[in-house]
Amino acid sequence: MSASTTRTQSGFTILEVVLAMGLLVMAMTSLLGLFTFGAALTRTAALRTAAATAIEAVVADLEESLFPLEEDGSVGDPRVIVDRPVPGAAGVIYSALARVNPDDPDEFAVDVEVFWEAAGVRRARKFTTLLLREVPFGERLRRRFIQARSFPPPPETAPGGEGQSAMSSTPDRP
């Protein structure tokens, strides 16, 4: 054999190792960036869900308490609400002011401002919703329940009795 024969190489050159490490670092950086972005999106989605829940709670609270009930059972003029806590949302308060629709005196545009504190800074968002002047759902349900209990139950015929039962001949209750 001559002195110019090729010898076998084993292992990697330093250039190949540095290149592989560079590719690994770039891939890991990209993955960490994606994880950070995904975590930020998750946090944003959670905050938006909490905000939507708080807004639903505000509207439900307004439907129940914006219009006071008068002594005669009718619905009064809307109240001005200032810094009322949002039910079910700790640290969140709201204020509301109702404006009557000139074309329909039973329809109100309610301007709502929601306040909360995040990272030591007080933040606020405004929105407007439409509400009708009506007896709140809970009160209507209570009245219906009390009215149903004030009527005596209809008489029933004895088992095996002849003829129509008193139930089928009694008109429906209101």
C-alpha atoms as a PDB file:
ATOM      1  CA  MET A   1       0.000   0.000   0.000  1.00  0.00           C
ATOM      2  CA  SER A   2       1.123   3.401  -0.700  1.00  0.00           C
ATOM      3  CA  ALA A   3       1.350   6.308   1.698  1.00  0.00           C
ATOM      4  CA  SER A   4      -1.434   8.118  -0.117  1.00  0.00           C
ATOM      5  CA  THR A   5      -4.102   5.648   0.861  1.00  0.00           C
ATOM      6  CA  THR A   6      -7.201   7.089   2.447  1.00  0.00           C
ATOM      7  CA  ARG A   7      -7.800   6.377   6.041  1.00  0.00           C
ATOM      8  CA  THR A   8     -11.265   5.856   7.488  1.00  0.00           C
ATOM      9  CA  GLN A   9     -12.805   8.687   9.430  1.00  0.00           C
ATOM     10  CA  SER A  10     -14.838   8.173  12.555  1.00  0.00           C
ATOM     11  CA  GLY A  11     -16.884  10.768  14.553  1.00  0.00           C
ATOM     12  CA  PHE A  12     -18.040  14.265  13.643  1.00  0.00           C
ATOM     13  CA  THR A  13     -16.056  17.333  12.871  1.00  0.00           C
ATOM     14  CA  ILE A  14     -16.369  20.336  15.136  1.00  0.00           C
ATOM     15  CA  LEU A  15     -18.215  22.197  12.377  1.00  0.00           C
ATOM     16  CA  GLU A  16     -20.915  19.510  12.184  1.00  0.00           C
ATOM     17  CA  VAL A  17     -21.395  19.548  15.970  1.00  0.00           C
ATOM     18  CA  VAL A  18     -21.698  23.352  16.074  1.00  0.00           C
ATOM     19  CA  LEU A  19     -24.164  23.300  13.174  1.00  0.00           C
ATOM     20  CA  ALA A  20     -26.311  20.621  14.867  1.00  0.00           C
ATOM     21  CA  MET A  21     -26.301  22.558  18.146  1.00  0.00           C
ATOM     22  CA  GLY A  22     -27.339  25.731  16.314  1.00  0.00           C
ATOM     23  CA  LEU A  23     -30.271  23.937  14.691  1.00  0.00           C
ATOM     24  CA  LEU A  24     -31.297  22.501  18.064  1.00  0.00           C
ATOM     25  CA  VAL A  25     -31.185  25.938  19.716  1.00  0.00           C
ATOM     26  CA  MET A  26     -33.279  27.485  16.926  1.00  0.00           C
ATOM     27  CA  ALA A  27     -35.869  24.698  17.161  1.00  0.00           C
ATOM     28  CA  MET A  28     -36.085  24.996  20.958  1.00  0.00           C
ATOM     29  CA  THR A  29     -36.432  28.781  20.731  1.00  0.00           C
ATOM     30  CA  SER A  30     -39.292  28.405  18.255  1.00  0.00           C
ATOM     31  CA  LEU A  31     -41.028  25.847  20.471  1.00  0.00           C
ATOM     32  CA  LEU A  32     -40.685  28.023  23.567  1.00  0.00           C
ATOM     33  CA  GLY A  33     -42.095  30.953  21.612  1.00  0.00           C
ATOM     34  CA  LEU A  34     -45.082  28.839  20.554  1.00  0.00           C
ATOM     35  CA  PHE A  35     -45.668  27.698  24.147  1.00  0.00           C
ATOM     36  CA  THR A  36     -45.539  31.297  25.365  1.00  0.00           C
ATOM     37  CA  PHE A  37     -47.953  32.388  22.644  1.00  0.00           C
ATOM     38  CA  GLY A  38     -50.307  29.501  23.478  1.00  0.00           C
ATOM     39  CA  ALA A  39     -50.228  30.376  27.178  1.00  0.00           C
ATOM     40  CA  ALA A  40     -51.021  34.010  26.373  1.00  0.00           C
ATOM     41  CA  LEU A  41     -53.968  32.942  24.199  1.00  0.00           C
ATOM     42  CA  THR A  42     -55.240  30.682  26.979  1.00  0.00           C
ATOM     43  CA  ARG A  43     -55.019  33.526  29.495  1.00  0.00           C
ATOM     44  CA  THR A  44     -56.809  35.905  27.128  1.00  0.00           C
ATOM     45  CA  ALA A  45     -59.571  33.355  26.534  1.00  0.00           C
ATOM     46  CA  ALA A  46     -59.990  32.818  30.289  1.00  0.00           C
ATOM     47  CA  LEU A  47     -60.194  36.572  30.895  1.00  0.00           C
ATOM     48  CA  ARG A  48     -62.745  37.038  28.116  1.00  0.00           C
ATOM     49  CA  THR A  49     -64.830  34.181  29.496  1.00  0.00           C
ATOM     50  CA  ALA A  50     -64.745  35.742  32.966  1.00  0.00           C
ATOM     51  CA  ALA A  51     -65.704  39.112  31.473  1.00  0.00           C
ATOM     52  CA  ALA A  52     -68.629  37.598  29.564  1.00  0.00           C
ATOM     53  CA  THR A  53     -69.808  35.873  32.736  1.00  0.00           C
ATOM     54  CA  ALA A  54     -69.560  39.146  34.660  1.00  0.00           C
ATOM     55  CA  ILE A  55     -71.518  40.994  31.953  1.00  0.00           C
ATOM     56  CA  GLU A  56     -74.246  38.335  32.029  1.00  0.00           C
ATOM     57  CA  ALA A  57     -74.404  38.715  35.817  1.00  0.00           C
ATOM     58  CA  VAL A  58     -74.685  42.507  35.451  1.00  0.00           C
ATOM     59  CA  VAL A  59     -77.552  42.240  32.952  1.00  0.00           C
ATOM     60  CA  ALA A  60     -79.354  39.671  35.127  1.00  0.00           C
ATOM     61  CA  ASP A  61     -78.937  41.938  38.164  1.00  0.00           C
ATOM     62  CA  LEU A  62     -80.251  44.914  36.174  1.00  0.00           C
ATOM     63  CA  GLU A  63     -83.287  42.936  34.992  1.00  0.00           C
ATOM     64  CA  GLU A  64     -84.122  42.115  38.610  1.00  0.00           C
ATOM     65  CA  SER A  65     -83.374  45.417  40.317  1.00  0.00           C
ATOM     66  CA  LEU A  66     -83.287  48.358  37.886  1.00  0.00           C
ATOM     67  CA  PHE A  67     -87.023  48.997  38.018  1.00  0.00           C
ATOM     68  CA  PRO A  68     -88.445  49.162  41.563  1.00  0.00           C
ATOM     69  CA  LEU A  69     -91.871  47.730  42.315  1.00  0.00           C
ATOM     70  CA  GLU A  70     -94.452  50.220  43.564  1.00  0.00           C
ATOM     71  CA  GLU A  71     -96.916  49.554  46.398  1.00  0.00           C
ATOM     72  CA  ASP A  72     -99.711  48.826  43.915  1.00  0.00           C
ATOM     73  CA  GLY A  73     -97.591  46.161  42.150  1.00  0.00           C
ATOM     74  CA  SER A  74     -96.713  48.281  39.121  1.00  0.00           C
ATOM     75  CA  VAL A  75     -93.201  49.020  37.930  1.00  0.00           C
ATOM     76  CA  GLY A  76     -91.613  52.362  38.812  1.00  0.00           C
ATOM     77  CA  ASP A  77     -89.024  54.530  37.098  1.00  0.00           C
ATOM     78  CA  PRO A  78     -85.506  53.106  36.762  1.00  0.00           C
ATOM     79  CA  ARG A  79     -82.991  53.607  39.541  1.00  0.00           C
ATOM     80  CA  VAL A  80     -79.557  55.122  39.089  1.00  0.00           C
ATOM     81  CA  ILE A  81     -77.035  52.489  40.147  1.00  0.00           C
ATOM     82  CA  VAL A  82     -73.596  53.567  41.369  1.00  0.00           C
ATOM     83  CA  ASP A  83     -70.722  51.236  42.305  1.00  0.00           C
ATOM     84  CA  ARG A  84     -72.793  48.101  42.914  1.00  0.00           C
ATOM     85  CA  PRO A  85     -70.823  44.836  43.286  1.00  0.00           C
ATOM     86  CA  VAL A  86     -71.366  42.314  40.504  1.00  0.00           C
ATOM     87  CA  PRO A  87     -72.920  39.125  41.909  1.00  0.00           C
ATOM     88  CA  GLY A  88     -70.503  36.218  41.600  1.00  0.00           C
ATOM     89  CA  ALA A  89     -67.524  38.327  40.496  1.00  0.00           C
ATOM     90  CA  ALA A  90     -65.235  39.367  43.330  1.00  0.00           C
ATOM     91  CA  GLY A  91     -63.661  42.800  42.944  1.00  0.00           C
ATOM     92  CA  VAL A  92     -65.891  43.841  40.035  1.00  0.00           C
ATOM     93  CA  ILE A  93     -68.376  46.705  40.415  1.00  0.00           C
ATOM     94  CA  TYR A  94     -70.674  48.489  37.998  1.00  0.00           C
ATOM     95  CA  SER A  95     -72.694  51.655  37.562  1.00  0.00           C
ATOM     96  CA  ALA A  96     -75.765  52.022  35.351  1.00  0.00           C
ATOM     97  CA  LEU A  97     -77.887  54.868  34.032  1.00  0.00           C
ATOM     98  CA  ALA A  98     -81.104  54.273  32.060  1.00  0.00           C
ATOM     99  CA  ARG A  99     -82.340  56.551  29.270  1.00  0.00           C
ATOM    100  CA  VAL A 100     -85.940  56.270  28.055  1.00  0.00           C
ATOM    101  CA  ASN A 101     -86.680  55.674  24.382  1.00  0.00           C
ATOM    102  CA  PRO A 102     -88.794  58.668  23.243  1.00  0.00           C
ATOM    103  CA  ASP A 103     -90.815  56.420  20.901  1.00  0.00           C
ATOM    104  CA  ASP A 104     -91.578  53.763  23.549  1.00  0.00           C
ATOM    105  CA  PRO A 105     -91.773  54.804  27.211  1.00  0.00           C
ATOM    106  CA  ASP A 106     -91.387  51.174  28.345  1.00  0.00           C
ATOM    107  CA  GLU A 107     -88.031  50.716  26.568  1.00  0.00           C
ATOM    108  CA  PHE A 108     -84.784  51.957  28.089  1.00  0.00           C
ATOM    109  CA  ALA A 109     -81.211  52.148  26.816  1.00  0.00           C
ATOM    110  CA  VAL A 110     -79.078  51.377  29.858  1.00  0.00           C
ATOM    111  CA  ASP A 111     -75.483  52.631  29.823  1.00  0.00           C
ATOM    112  CA  VAL A 112     -73.379  50.362  32.023  1.00  0.00           C
ATOM    113  CA  GLU A 113     -69.796  50.930  33.139  1.00  0.00           C
ATOM    114  CA  VAL A 114     -67.965  47.989  34.699  1.00  0.00           C
ATOM    115  CA  PHE A 115     -64.893  48.582  36.902  1.00  0.00           C
ATOM    116  CA  TRP A 116     -62.217  46.174  38.126  1.00  0.00           C
ATOM    117  CA  GLU A 117     -58.639  46.306  39.287  1.00  0.00           C
ATOM    118  CA  ALA A 118     -55.822  44.494  37.489  1.00  0.00           C
ATOM    119  CA  ALA A 119     -52.140  44.750  38.420  1.00  0.00           C
ATOM    120  CA  GLY A 120     -52.940  47.639  40.764  1.00  0.00           C
ATOM    121  CA  VAL A 121     -54.601  49.703  38.029  1.00  0.00           C
ATOM    122  CA  ARG A 122     -58.341  50.420  37.998  1.00  0.00           C
ATOM    123  CA  ARG A 123     -59.791  49.534  34.630  1.00  0.00           C
ATOM    124  CA  ALA A 124     -63.232  50.157  33.136  1.00  0.00           C
ATOM    125  CA  ARG A 125     -65.356  49.102  30.173  1.00  0.00           C
ATOM    126  CA  LYS A 126     -68.617  50.614  28.958  1.00  0.00           C
ATOM    127  CA  PHE A 127     -71.488  48.966  27.141  1.00  0.00           C
ATOM    128  CA  THR A 128     -75.152  49.693  26.439  1.00  0.00           C
ATOM    129  CA  THR A 129     -78.060  47.275  26.634  1.00  0.00           C
ATOM    130  CA  LEU A 130     -81.799  47.596  26.065  1.00  0.00           C
ATOM    131  CA  LEU A 131     -84.194  46.720  28.884  1.00  0.00           C
ATOM    132  CA  LEU A 132     -87.972  46.866  29.102  1.00  0.00           C
ATOM    133  CA  ARG A 133     -89.878  48.298  32.039  1.00  0.00           C
ATOM    134  CA  GLU A 134     -91.511  45.147  33.394  1.00  0.00           C
ATOM    135  CA  VAL A 135     -92.021  43.209  36.596  1.00  0.00           C
ATOM    136  CA  PRO A 136     -88.851  41.136  37.168  1.00  0.00           C
ATOM    137  CA  PHE A 137     -89.016  37.440  36.325  1.00  0.00           C
ATOM    138  CA  GLY A 138     -88.495  36.356  39.936  1.00  0.00           C
ATOM    139  CA  GLU A 139     -91.394  38.514  41.098  1.00  0.00           C
ATOM    140  CA  ARG A 140     -93.670  37.248  38.302  1.00  0.00           C
ATOM    141  CA  LEU A 141     -92.822  33.674  39.268  1.00  0.00           C
ATOM    142  CA  ARG A 142     -93.450  34.413  42.952  1.00  0.00           C
ATOM    143  CA  ARG A 143     -96.827  35.977  42.146  1.00  0.00           C
ATOM    144  CA  ARG A 144     -97.812  33.011  40.001  1.00  0.00           C
ATOM    145  CA  PHE A 145     -96.784  30.582  42.746  1.00  0.00           C
ATOM    146  CA  ILE A 146     -98.743  32.481  45.411  1.00  0.00           C
ATOM    147  CA  GLN A 147    -101.758  32.792  43.118  1.00  0.00           C
ATOM    148  CA  ALA A 148    -101.691  29.048  42.392  1.00  0.00           C
ATOM    149  CA  ARG A 149    -101.549  28.263  46.112  1.00  0.00           C
ATOM    150  CA  SER A 150    -104.494  30.553  46.875  1.00  0.00           C
ATOM    151  CA  PHE A 151    -106.880  28.417  44.771  1.00  0.00           C
ATOM    152  CA  PRO A 152    -108.161  25.244  46.486  1.00  0.00           C
ATOM    153  CA  PRO A 153    -107.392  21.985  44.684  1.00  0.00           C
ATOM    154  CA  PRO A 154    -110.275  20.741  42.498  1.00  0.00           C
ATOM    155  CA  PRO A 155    -112.388  17.934  44.008  1.00  0.00           C
ATOM    156  CA  GLU A 156    -111.786  14.449  42.654  1.00  0.00           C
ATOM    157  CA  THR A 157    -114.247  11.575  42.337  1.00  0.00           C
ATOM    158  CA  ALA A 158    -113.758   8.398  44.305  1.00  0.00           C
ATOM    159  CA  PRO A 159    -111.957   5.574  42.486  1.00  0.00           C
ATOM    160  CA  GLY A 160    -114.387   3.568  40.406  1.00  0.00           C
ATOM    161  CA  GLY A 161    -116.979   6.360  40.567  1.00  0.00           C
ATOM    162  CA  GLU A 162    -119.345   6.879  37.696  1.00  0.00           C
ATOM    163  CA  GLY A 163    -119.572   9.891  35.470  1.00  0.00           C
ATOM    164  CA  GLN A 164    -117.088  12.611  34.674  1.00  0.00           C
ATOM    165  CA  SER A 165    -114.553  13.675  37.223  1.00  0.00           C
ATOM    166  CA  ALA A 166    -114.770  17.174  38.608  1.00  0.00           C
ATOM    167  CA  MET A 167    -111.346  17.897  37.109  1.00  0.00           C
ATOM    168  CA  SER A 168    -112.473  17.541  33.527  1.00  0.00           C
ATOM    169  CA  SER A 169    -115.498  19.789  34.026  1.00  0.00           C
ATOM    170  CA  THR A 170    -113.616  22.530  35.907  1.00  0.00           C
ATOM    171  CA  PRO A 171    -112.260  25.330  33.712  1.00  0.00           C
ATOM    172  CA  ASP A 172    -108.504  25.839  33.726  1.00  0.00           C
ATOM    173  CA  ARG A 173    -107.100  28.222  36.268  1.00  0.00           C
ATOM    174  CA  PRO A 174    -105.474  31.425  35.029  1.00  0.00           C
END
